[in-house]
Protein backbone atom coordinates (compact mmCIF):
# COMPACT_ATOMS: atom_id res chain seq x y z
CA MET A 1 21.30 19.30 -3.23
CA THR A 2 17.78 19.79 -1.86
CA THR A 3 14.65 21.62 -2.88
CA LYS A 4 13.32 24.72 -1.13
CA ASN A 5 11.43 22.50 1.36
CA ASN A 6 14.62 20.50 2.04
CA ARG A 7 13.31 17.45 0.18
CA PRO A 8 16.28 15.54 -1.31
CA PRO A 9 16.05 14.98 -5.07
CA LEU A 10 15.04 11.52 -6.23
CA PRO A 11 17.94 9.48 -7.69
CA ARG A 12 17.66 8.60 -11.38
CA SER A 13 17.40 4.89 -10.55
CA LEU A 14 14.35 5.49 -8.35
CA GLN A 15 12.79 7.71 -11.01
CA LYS A 16 13.13 4.83 -13.47
CA LYS A 17 11.73 2.38 -10.93
CA ARG A 18 8.72 4.62 -10.31
CA LYS A 19 8.09 5.01 -14.03
CA MET A 20 8.36 1.24 -14.58
CA ASN A 21 5.99 0.53 -11.67
CA ILE A 22 3.40 2.88 -13.16
CA ILE A 23 3.72 1.28 -16.62
CA ILE A 24 3.38 -2.23 -15.14
CA ARG A 25 0.34 -1.22 -13.08
CA ILE A 26 -1.43 0.35 -16.07
CA ALA A 27 -0.54 -2.60 -18.36
CA LEU A 28 -1.83 -5.09 -15.76
CA CYS A 29 -5.05 -3.12 -15.44
CA CYS A 30 -5.57 -3.14 -19.21
CA LEU A 31 -4.91 -6.89 -19.42
CA LEU A 32 -7.30 -7.67 -16.56
CA PHE A 33 -9.95 -5.40 -18.05
CA ALA A 34 -9.66 -7.20 -21.40
CA LEU A 35 -9.84 -10.60 -19.66
CA PHE A 36 -12.89 -9.62 -17.62
CA LEU A 37 -14.54 -8.22 -20.75
CA VAL A 38 -14.04 -11.55 -22.55
CA ILE A 39 -15.51 -13.37 -19.54
CA VAL A 40 -18.58 -11.12 -19.60
CA ILE A 41 -19.06 -11.57 -23.35
CA MET A 42 -18.53 -15.34 -23.33
CA TRP A 43 -20.05 -16.42 -20.01
CA GLY A 44 -21.92 -13.37 -18.73
CA GLU A 45 -25.31 -15.03 -18.98
CA ARG A 46 -24.10 -18.02 -16.97
CA ILE A 47 -22.38 -15.95 -14.29
CA PHE A 48 -25.31 -13.56 -13.90
CA PRO A 49 -28.35 -15.54 -15.15
CA MET A 50 -31.63 -13.72 -15.76
CA PRO A 51 -34.96 -15.56 -15.29
CA ARG A 52 -37.13 -16.15 -18.36
CA PHE A 53 -39.86 -13.63 -19.01
CA SER A 54 -38.28 -11.38 -16.40
CA PRO A 55 -39.34 -7.76 -16.14
CA LYS A 56 -37.11 -4.91 -17.19
CA SER A 57 -36.01 -4.44 -13.59
CA PHE A 58 -34.08 -7.73 -13.81
CA VAL A 59 -32.29 -6.45 -16.90
CA ALA A 60 -31.21 -3.37 -14.96
CA VAL A 61 -29.92 -5.59 -12.13
CA GLN A 62 -28.00 -7.75 -14.59
CA ILE A 63 -26.40 -4.70 -16.24
CA SER A 64 -25.47 -3.36 -12.80
CA CYS A 65 -23.79 -6.69 -12.01
CA TYR A 66 -21.80 -6.44 -15.24
CA ILE A 67 -20.68 -2.93 -14.38
CA LEU A 68 -19.61 -3.92 -10.87
CA PHE A 69 -17.79 -6.95 -12.26
CA MET A 70 -15.90 -4.74 -14.73
CA THR A 71 -14.69 -2.48 -11.92
CA LEU A 72 -12.70 -5.34 -10.35
CA PRO A 73 -9.58 -4.77 -12.51
CA PHE A 74 -9.43 -1.19 -11.24
CA LEU A 75 -9.87 -2.29 -7.63
CA ILE A 76 -7.21 -5.00 -7.97
CA THR A 77 -4.57 -2.79 -9.59
CA GLY A 78 -5.46 0.48 -7.88
CA VAL A 79 -5.74 2.34 -11.20
CA PRO A 80 -6.31 5.24 -11.24
CA MET A 81 -6.51 5.95 -7.49
CA LYS A 82 -2.96 4.85 -6.63
CA LEU A 83 -1.66 6.94 -9.53
CA ILE A 84 -3.36 10.05 -8.16
CA ASP A 85 -0.53 10.81 -5.78
CA SER A 86 1.72 13.74 -4.97
CA SER A 87 4.99 14.61 -3.31
CA TRP A 88 4.82 16.61 -0.10
CA SER A 89 6.73 17.42 3.06
CA GLY A 90 5.76 18.08 6.65
CA ILE A 91 6.43 17.75 10.36
CA VAL A 92 5.22 14.82 12.48
CA SER A 93 3.00 16.19 15.26
CA ASN A 94 1.74 12.92 16.77
CA VAL A 95 2.53 9.18 16.68
CA GLU A 96 -0.05 6.58 17.75
CA VAL A 97 -0.62 2.83 17.49
CA LYS A 98 -4.00 1.71 16.15
CA GLN A 99 -5.29 -1.81 16.85
CA SER A 100 -7.52 -3.67 14.38
CA VAL A 101 -8.15 -7.10 12.83
CA GLY A 102 -6.97 -8.09 9.36
CA THR A 103 -7.30 -11.15 7.12
CA TYR A 104 -5.07 -12.85 4.58
CA TRP A 105 -4.71 -16.12 2.64
CA ARG A 106 -2.13 -18.75 3.51
CA THR A 107 -1.10 -21.91 1.68
CA LEU A 108 -3.68 -24.60 0.84
CA GLY A 109 -6.38 -21.94 0.64
CA ARG A 110 -6.52 -21.38 4.38
CA PHE A 111 -8.09 -18.10 5.38
CA ASN A 112 -6.39 -16.50 8.38
CA VAL A 113 -7.25 -13.72 10.75
CA TYR A 114 -4.54 -11.72 12.42
CA ASP A 115 -4.09 -9.06 15.05
CA LYS A 116 -3.18 -5.96 13.08
CA GLN A 117 -1.38 -2.95 14.46
CA ALA A 118 -0.65 0.21 12.53
CA LEU A 119 1.65 3.11 13.27
CA ILE A 120 -0.43 6.20 12.48
CA LEU A 121 1.26 9.56 12.03
CA THR A 122 -0.39 12.94 12.23
CA ILE A 123 1.59 15.22 9.93
CA LYS A 124 1.33 18.96 9.49
CA LYS A 125 2.19 19.59 5.86
CA ASP A 126 4.09 22.60 4.60
CA ASP A 127 0.88 23.90 3.02
CA GLY A 128 -0.67 24.14 6.50
CA LYS A 129 -2.96 21.13 6.17
CA SER A 130 -2.87 18.18 8.58
CA ALA A 131 -3.03 14.58 7.37
CA LYS A 132 -3.06 11.06 8.80
CA HIS A 133 -0.54 8.63 7.33
CA THR A 134 -0.08 4.91 8.00
CA ALA A 135 3.68 4.54 8.34
CA THR A 136 3.85 0.82 9.18
CA SER A 137 1.31 -1.99 9.47
CA VAL A 138 2.24 -5.18 11.33
CA GLY A 139 0.51 -8.19 12.85
CA GLU A 140 0.55 -11.82 13.92
CA ALA A 141 -1.68 -14.68 12.70
CA LEU A 142 -4.38 -15.91 15.09
CA LYS A 143 -6.15 -18.90 13.53
CA ASN A 144 -7.36 -20.36 10.24
CA THR A 145 -10.83 -21.41 9.08
CA MET A 146 -10.38 -24.94 10.47
CA GLY A 147 -10.14 -23.46 13.94
CA ILE A 148 -6.58 -24.69 14.44
CA LEU A 149 -4.42 -22.15 16.20
CA SER A 150 -1.47 -21.24 14.05
CA ALA A 151 2.00 -20.47 15.31
CA LYS A 152 2.54 -16.92 16.49
CA THR A 153 4.73 -16.17 13.53
CA ASP A 154 4.95 -12.77 11.93
CA LEU A 155 3.22 -12.19 8.63
CA PRO A 156 5.37 -11.93 5.48
CA ASN A 157 7.42 -8.70 5.38
CA GLN A 158 6.04 -7.74 8.76
CA GLY A 159 7.36 -7.55 12.29
CA LYS A 160 6.37 -6.55 15.80
CA ILE A 161 5.10 -3.03 16.29
CA THR A 162 7.78 -2.58 18.94
CA ASP A 163 10.35 -2.93 16.14
CA HIS A 164 8.95 0.22 14.51
CA ILE A 165 7.58 2.31 17.36
CA ASN A 166 10.74 4.41 17.47
CA ASP A 167 10.95 4.93 13.71
CA PHE A 168 9.13 8.24 14.08
CA LYS A 169 8.77 10.82 16.81
CA ALA A 170 7.04 14.15 17.11
CA GLY A 171 9.09 16.87 15.44
CA ASP A 172 10.55 14.65 12.71
CA ARG A 173 10.57 16.19 9.26
CA VAL A 174 9.29 13.72 6.69
CA HIS A 175 8.99 13.70 2.91
CA LYS A 176 6.51 11.78 0.75
CA TYR A 177 7.59 11.03 -2.82
CA TYR A 178 5.08 10.47 -5.59
CA GLY A 179 4.82 6.77 -6.46
CA PHE A 180 6.45 5.47 -3.27
CA LYS A 181 4.64 4.15 -0.22
CA TYR A 182 7.09 4.84 2.59
CA LEU A 183 8.08 8.21 4.03
CA TYR A 184 11.62 9.51 4.09
CA ILE A 185 12.77 10.90 7.44
CA ALA A 186 15.15 13.84 7.21
CA PRO A 187 18.16 13.00 9.42
CA SER A 188 18.59 15.29 12.41
CA ALA A 189 21.85 13.81 13.70
CA GLU A 190 24.92 12.15 12.24
CA GLY A 191 23.97 8.75 13.65
CA ASP A 192 20.42 8.72 12.30
CA GLN A 193 19.45 5.82 10.05
CA LYS A 194 18.38 6.10 6.44
CA ARG A 195 14.86 4.87 5.69
CA CYS A 196 14.28 3.30 2.30
CA ILE A 197 11.24 4.83 0.57
CA VAL A 198 10.77 1.64 -1.51
CA CYS A 199 10.51 -1.01 1.24
CA GLY A 200 10.62 1.02 4.48
CA HIS A 201 13.74 -0.70 5.82
CA ASN A 202 16.02 1.30 8.13
CA ASN A 203 19.67 1.31 7.05
CA ASP A 204 22.94 2.52 8.49
CA ASN A 205 23.65 6.14 7.64
CA GLN A 206 26.80 5.17 5.71
CA ARG A 207 25.01 2.91 3.24
CA ALA A 208 24.25 4.06 -0.30
CA LYS A 209 21.89 1.17 -1.12
CA CYS A 210 19.18 -0.49 0.95
CA LEU A 211 20.22 -3.67 2.72
CA ASN A 212 16.77 -5.19 2.14
CA CYS A 213 15.80 -4.32 -1.46
CA TYR A 214 19.15 -2.93 -2.70
CA CYS A 215 17.56 0.22 -4.09
CA ASP A 216 19.40 3.54 -3.89
CA LEU A 217 18.95 5.47 -0.67
CA LEU A 218 18.38 9.21 -0.48
């Protein structure tokens, strides 16, 4: 059974997973907001000290610092921006690889830079609008802050861009589901693989559950 735009219905298990993810994200945001509020109340003056006999302009700066500090829980959890999502369908019109530089933290507090590559799709939606979508982002570590070259090992849950370059091609029909990061590719042939919308792993067409995260496949 599919909808009028040929988007397969979401299994009940994935609907529950999406609902639970939203609840966890909102709960985490509320907890972080409460924690940050306590920090501001208890140690705000120490974190953002204001000089004695300072003019009113310093008070405005201090209040601005408090406001910016209190926005961190929303930036960390992505609430509400990541919850403002929608389901849509469209046709891939172009596939390109974009090169950039990313950073991440490793063990022992080491700060690493890595060569980041992203698979960017240009999609013409059913409503006539065109949109850019990052389908996959991969990279390899370059070096840490101590200047020691690290091994050319893939980042966690990543791979080489060549492992994903053939995941999409122009003309593919794709579906985006609210609350899930990865696109679903409508199969065009019997041998096509099933792409998990939870983790993005490609599975054999005969599988009912993802080999990587064991979630139900569409």
